[in-house]
Protein backbone atom coordinates (compact mmCIF):
# COMPACT_ATOMS: atom_id res chain seq x y z
CA UNK A 1 -62.52 47.09 -97.79
CA UNK A 2 -59.38 44.71 -96.92
CA UNK A 3 -56.06 45.75 -97.91
CA UNK A 4 -53.55 43.39 -98.82
CA UNK A 5 -50.66 42.94 -99.81
CA UNK A 6 -47.92 40.12 -102.32
CA UNK A 7 -46.23 37.05 -100.44
CA UNK A 8 -43.18 38.76 -101.87
CA UNK A 9 -41.81 41.37 -99.95
CA UNK A 10 -39.17 40.40 -98.10
CA UNK A 11 -36.25 39.06 -100.35
CA UNK A 12 -37.70 35.48 -98.62
CA UNK A 13 -39.57 32.47 -98.61
CA UNK A 14 -43.59 32.36 -98.27
CA UNK A 15 -42.67 32.08 -94.12
CA UNK A 16 -40.77 34.54 -93.42
CA UNK A 17 -43.07 36.46 -95.29
CA UNK A 18 -46.61 35.70 -93.46
CA UNK A 19 -44.85 36.07 -90.35
CA UNK A 20 -43.86 40.07 -91.36
CA UNK A 21 -46.72 40.73 -92.31
CA UNK A 22 -49.58 38.52 -91.08
CA UNK A 23 -50.43 41.27 -88.28
CA UNK A 24 -49.49 43.78 -90.13
CA UNK A 25 -52.26 43.80 -92.69
CA UNK A 26 -55.62 42.15 -93.25
CA UNK A 27 -54.93 40.02 -96.31
CA UNK A 28 -51.92 38.76 -98.30
CA UNK A 29 -52.38 37.09 -102.51
CA UNK A 30 -49.36 33.70 -102.18
CA UNK A 31 -48.32 34.04 -105.99
CA UNK A 32 -47.03 30.90 -107.31
CA UNK A 33 -45.62 31.57 -110.53
CA UNK A 34 -45.01 28.05 -111.77
CA UNK A 35 -46.15 25.06 -110.44
CA UNK A 36 -43.40 22.83 -110.36
CA UNK A 37 -41.85 24.37 -107.44
CA UNK A 38 -44.90 24.71 -105.67
CA UNK A 39 -43.78 24.84 -101.36
CA UNK A 40 -43.35 22.05 -99.36
CA UNK A 41 -46.44 19.81 -97.58
CA UNK A 42 -44.81 21.06 -94.14
CA UNK A 43 -44.73 24.61 -95.24
CA UNK A 44 -48.08 25.37 -96.04
CA UNK A 45 -48.79 23.85 -92.29
CA UNK A 46 -46.51 26.64 -90.87
CA UNK A 47 -48.54 28.74 -93.54
CA UNK A 48 -52.31 28.08 -92.27
CA UNK A 49 -50.62 28.50 -88.60
CA UNK A 50 -49.15 32.19 -89.04
CA UNK A 51 -52.72 33.12 -91.06
CA UNK A 52 -55.07 32.42 -87.60
CA UNK A 53 -55.29 35.72 -86.86
CA UNK A 54 -58.36 37.37 -86.56
CA UNK A 55 -59.83 39.15 -89.59
CA UNK A 56 -56.76 37.82 -91.43
CA UNK A 57 -56.81 35.97 -94.44
CA UNK A 58 -55.26 35.02 -97.81
CA UNK A 59 -56.31 35.03 -101.53
CA UNK A 60 -53.99 31.93 -103.32
CA UNK A 61 -52.61 32.93 -107.19
CA UNK A 62 -52.68 29.96 -109.19
CA UNK A 63 -49.42 28.74 -111.01
CA UNK A 64 -49.19 32.04 -113.94
CA UNK A 65 -47.59 29.29 -115.91
CA UNK A 66 -50.42 27.01 -116.14
CA UNK A 67 -52.92 27.14 -119.18
CA UNK A 68 -55.52 26.09 -119.04
CA UNK A 69 -56.92 27.37 -122.39
CA UNK A 70 -54.40 25.44 -124.43
CA UNK A 71 -55.93 23.97 -127.58
CA UNK A 72 -54.05 20.41 -126.75
CA UNK A 73 -55.73 18.10 -124.11
CA UNK A 74 -52.63 16.59 -122.63
CA UNK A 75 -50.86 20.36 -122.22
CA UNK A 76 -54.13 21.40 -120.12
CA UNK A 77 -54.58 18.30 -117.95
CA UNK A 78 -51.06 19.09 -116.90
CA UNK A 79 -52.13 22.84 -116.34
CA UNK A 80 -55.22 20.97 -114.26
CA UNK A 81 -53.22 18.66 -112.33
CA UNK A 82 -50.82 21.50 -111.45
CA UNK A 83 -53.97 24.20 -110.34
CA UNK A 84 -55.65 21.03 -108.48
CA UNK A 85 -52.54 20.78 -106.32
CA UNK A 86 -51.59 23.98 -105.34
CA UNK A 87 -55.49 24.05 -104.00
CA UNK A 88 -55.54 21.05 -102.74
CA UNK A 89 -52.16 22.22 -100.17
CA UNK A 90 -53.74 25.51 -99.83
CA UNK A 91 -57.58 24.42 -98.89
CA UNK A 92 -56.55 23.86 -94.74
CA UNK A 93 -55.83 27.81 -95.75
CA UNK A 94 -59.62 28.90 -95.88
CA UNK A 95 -58.04 31.51 -98.53
CA UNK A 96 -60.73 34.06 -99.48
CA UNK A 97 -60.74 33.42 -103.20
CA UNK A 98 -58.41 31.61 -105.78
CA UNK A 99 -57.42 33.52 -108.47
CA UNK A 100 -56.87 32.60 -111.23
CA UNK A 101 -55.24 33.74 -115.24
CA UNK A 102 -57.13 32.07 -118.28
CA UNK A 103 -54.21 32.24 -120.52
CA UNK A 104 -50.43 31.79 -119.91
CA UNK A 105 -48.58 34.80 -120.30
CA UNK A 106 -47.25 33.33 -123.81
CA UNK A 107 -50.08 32.29 -125.62
CA UNK A 108 -52.54 35.88 -125.21
CA UNK A 109 -55.25 35.53 -127.86
CA UNK A 110 -54.63 38.59 -130.19
CA UNK A 111 -57.86 38.99 -132.07
CA UNK A 112 -61.40 37.31 -130.37
CA UNK A 113 -61.13 34.29 -133.15
CA UNK A 114 -58.26 33.10 -131.89
CA UNK A 115 -59.58 32.98 -128.36
CA UNK A 116 -62.46 31.82 -129.48
CA UNK A 117 -61.34 28.85 -130.27
CA UNK A 118 -60.03 28.10 -126.88
CA UNK A 119 -63.23 29.26 -124.39
CA UNK A 120 -64.60 25.53 -124.93
CA UNK A 121 -61.44 24.59 -123.28
CA UNK A 122 -61.49 26.86 -121.24
CA UNK A 123 -64.58 25.88 -119.27
CA UNK A 124 -63.46 22.27 -119.26
CA UNK A 125 -60.84 23.26 -117.21
CA UNK A 126 -61.79 25.98 -114.63
CA UNK A 127 -65.67 23.30 -114.14
CA UNK A 128 -63.04 20.80 -112.98
CA UNK A 129 -61.44 24.07 -110.27
CA UNK A 130 -64.58 24.98 -109.65
CA UNK A 131 -65.88 21.94 -108.09
CA UNK A 132 -63.01 21.62 -105.76
CA UNK A 133 -63.23 25.24 -104.41
CA UNK A 134 -66.92 26.50 -105.00
CA UNK A 135 -67.56 28.95 -107.93
CA UNK A 136 -67.72 31.29 -105.75
CA UNK A 137 -63.79 31.29 -104.88
CA UNK A 138 -62.26 31.21 -108.08
CA UNK A 139 -62.18 34.06 -108.82
CA UNK A 140 -60.59 34.77 -112.99
CA UNK A 141 -58.70 37.59 -113.45
CA UNK A 142 -58.76 40.48 -117.30
CA UNK A 143 -54.81 39.79 -119.05
CA UNK A 144 -54.07 41.93 -121.81
CA UNK A 145 -57.36 41.30 -123.87
CA UNK A 146 -61.07 42.47 -123.25
CA UNK A 147 -61.91 40.28 -120.47
CA UNK A 148 -65.85 40.34 -122.45
CA UNK A 149 -63.83 37.38 -124.53
CA UNK A 150 -64.48 35.61 -121.09
CA UNK A 151 -67.42 36.97 -119.65
CA UNK A 152 -69.54 34.00 -121.21
CA UNK A 153 -67.02 31.41 -119.52
CA UNK A 154 -67.24 33.31 -116.29
CA UNK A 155 -71.24 33.61 -116.18
CA UNK A 156 -71.99 30.70 -117.81
CA UNK A 157 -70.18 28.77 -114.51
CA UNK A 158 -71.16 31.23 -111.87
CA UNK A 159 -67.39 32.42 -111.15
CA UNK A 160 -66.20 35.87 -109.20
CA UNK A 161 -63.81 38.21 -111.23
CA UNK A 162 -60.63 39.64 -110.02
CA UNK A 163 -59.88 42.87 -111.25
CA UNK A 164 -56.24 43.84 -112.16
CA UNK A 165 -55.80 47.76 -113.11
CA UNK A 166 -52.65 47.98 -114.43
CA UNK A 167 -53.55 44.82 -117.32
CA UNK A 168 -57.11 47.00 -118.08
CA UNK A 169 -54.41 49.97 -118.27
CA UNK A 170 -52.40 47.74 -120.96
CA UNK A 171 -55.25 46.55 -122.27
CA UNK A 172 -56.77 50.00 -123.06
CA UNK A 173 -59.97 50.01 -120.55
CA UNK A 174 -60.84 50.98 -117.78
CA UNK A 175 -62.22 50.39 -113.84
CA UNK A 176 -65.49 52.16 -113.94
CA UNK A 177 -66.86 50.91 -118.02
CA UNK A 178 -65.31 47.12 -115.95
CA UNK A 179 -67.38 48.07 -112.76
CA UNK A 180 -70.62 49.18 -114.18
CA UNK A 181 -70.82 45.05 -116.84
CA UNK A 182 -68.71 43.35 -113.96
CA UNK A 183 -69.47 44.37 -110.44
CA UNK A 184 -71.74 42.24 -109.65
CA UNK A 185 -69.84 38.73 -108.98
CA UNK A 186 -66.58 41.43 -108.38
CA UNK A 187 -64.04 39.22 -105.66
CA UNK A 188 -60.44 40.96 -105.90
CA UNK A 189 -58.82 44.03 -106.93
CA UNK A 190 -54.69 44.12 -108.26
CA UNK A 191 -54.22 47.51 -108.09
CA UNK A 192 -50.83 48.38 -108.71
CA UNK A 193 -49.83 51.55 -111.28
CA UNK A 194 -48.26 51.47 -114.89
CA UNK A 195 -45.76 53.86 -115.87
CA UNK A 196 -43.88 53.33 -119.04
CA UNK A 197 -45.59 50.55 -120.86
CA UNK A 198 -44.33 48.96 -116.96
CA UNK A 199 -47.36 47.77 -114.56
CA UNK A 200 -47.01 46.16 -110.33
CA UNK A 201 -45.36 50.09 -110.54
CA UNK A 202 -46.70 52.41 -107.26
CA UNK A 203 -50.11 53.10 -108.24
CA UNK A 204 -48.76 57.05 -107.38
CA UNK A 205 -48.13 56.57 -111.09
CA UNK A 206 -52.14 56.89 -111.27
CA UNK A 207 -51.58 61.06 -110.32
CA UNK A 208 -53.69 61.34 -106.37
CA UNK A 209 -56.24 61.94 -107.69
CA UNK A 210 -56.92 59.53 -109.94
CA UNK A 211 -56.38 56.45 -107.21
CA UNK A 212 -57.98 58.57 -105.73
CA UNK A 213 -61.51 58.24 -107.90
CA UNK A 214 -60.31 54.13 -108.12
CA UNK A 215 -60.33 54.12 -104.13
CA UNK A 216 -63.80 55.53 -103.67
CA UNK A 217 -64.67 53.16 -106.89
CA UNK A 218 -63.90 50.18 -104.80
CA UNK A 219 -65.37 51.76 -101.78
CA UNK A 220 -68.36 51.56 -103.04
CA UNK A 221 -68.20 47.70 -103.57
CA UNK A 222 -69.90 46.84 -101.00
CA UNK A 223 -69.07 43.11 -100.79
CA UNK A 224 -67.67 40.06 -103.23
CA UNK A 225 -69.88 37.58 -104.42
CA UNK A 226 -70.01 35.25 -100.90
CA UNK A 227 -70.84 38.82 -98.84
CA UNK A 228 -67.32 39.09 -98.44
CA UNK A 229 -65.52 41.80 -98.06
CA UNK A 230 -63.32 42.76 -101.36
CA UNK A 231 -60.13 42.19 -101.43
CA UNK A 232 -57.73 45.23 -103.19
CA UNK A 233 -53.81 43.48 -102.89
CA UNK A 234 -51.30 45.51 -103.56
CA UNK A 235 -49.60 44.20 -106.54
CA UNK A 236 -46.17 45.36 -106.36
CA UNK A 237 -42.68 43.13 -105.54
CA UNK A 238 -40.24 43.45 -103.18
CA UNK A 239 -39.82 45.62 -99.81
CA UNK A 240 -39.33 49.04 -100.89
CA UNK A 241 -42.07 49.22 -103.60
CA UNK A 242 -44.54 47.53 -100.86
CA UNK A 243 -44.19 50.12 -98.65
CA UNK A 244 -44.18 53.16 -101.02
CA UNK A 245 -47.58 51.10 -102.37
CA UNK A 246 -48.69 51.56 -98.86
CA UNK A 247 -47.96 55.35 -98.47
CA UNK A 248 -49.26 56.01 -101.36
CA UNK A 249 -52.53 54.35 -100.45
CA UNK A 250 -52.66 55.63 -97.60
CA UNK A 251 -52.51 58.95 -98.60
CA UNK A 252 -55.63 58.28 -101.77
CA UNK A 253 -57.79 57.11 -98.55
CA UNK A 254 -57.56 59.09 -96.22
CA UNK A 255 -60.06 62.07 -96.18
CA UNK A 256 -62.39 59.68 -97.80
CA UNK A 257 -64.62 58.37 -94.72
CA UNK A 258 -64.00 57.29 -91.20
CA UNK A 259 -63.50 54.02 -91.68
CA UNK A 260 -61.07 55.00 -94.73
CA UNK A 261 -58.99 56.82 -92.56
CA UNK A 262 -58.54 54.10 -89.66
CA UNK A 263 -57.77 51.97 -92.13
CA UNK A 264 -54.68 54.41 -94.30
CA UNK A 265 -53.64 54.64 -90.47
CA UNK A 266 -52.90 50.91 -90.38
CA UNK A 267 -51.35 51.36 -94.14
CA UNK A 268 -48.81 53.63 -92.28
CA UNK A 269 -47.77 51.34 -89.43
CA UNK A 270 -47.41 48.27 -91.80
CA UNK A 271 -45.12 50.70 -94.16
CA UNK A 272 -42.87 51.69 -91.65
CA UNK A 273 -42.94 48.20 -89.72
CA UNK A 274 -41.44 46.81 -93.20
CA UNK A 275 -39.26 49.69 -93.43
CA UNK A 276 -37.44 49.15 -90.04
CA UNK A 277 -37.40 45.41 -90.74
CA UNK A 278 -35.27 46.05 -94.26
CA UNK A 279 -33.30 47.72 -92.42
CA UNK A 280 -32.39 45.14 -90.10
CA UNK A 281 -31.09 42.61 -92.70
């Protein structure tokens, strides 16, 4: 199991964040919120240089605003082109996974019938992306509607999955049921808490017993569909929330097993260094 953070820790762009995080954690999620604002090619070359540390890697979150299941072909094609461009730019980074949303935030379906009209469009888009990434490197994330609506497309194309624990909670699901159904395709977990109906909070929001149980469940998933360790991304944003998330996760890991205790110490060390860095800025 590999534990990492997002690329949004320091209030800065990707390069300073990677420079800080690459020696501290084993994975960073490069998050692209808007397809129109991807970094320049030169920035990606610098990112590749920063990622050349043994054991370090990245996952790439393809643009959140790209609606790959849009019912209008023109809109869908634009979304596909944005995602293909992001993949092209990041291929030299050899990402552990490409994370993709099956719908844009403004287009979450309200019922199965509404999503059904989008399913074929989604399958066509994901199929085109998988031709470039390889099916198992393309990982489809659950959103705030039942993942069962998306699963037939994932299964047909041989894609991987991303379990977002916060989204799952807001959709009325739970990790045990999700893992029972989809663990064979699981590549990445987005771990964050939910408080007051808001996600991307400190995982401690789950309470100590529940968070520890979650970590036990994730440790039980030995490898992802590529035969590589499962990636756990602490998907909170900003320096202080990241420090808190690292410490909460370290506490949940400590005492689970020898390897988990070692990993907990590494997370605590990363939290301390990030906190010291924030204090000097």
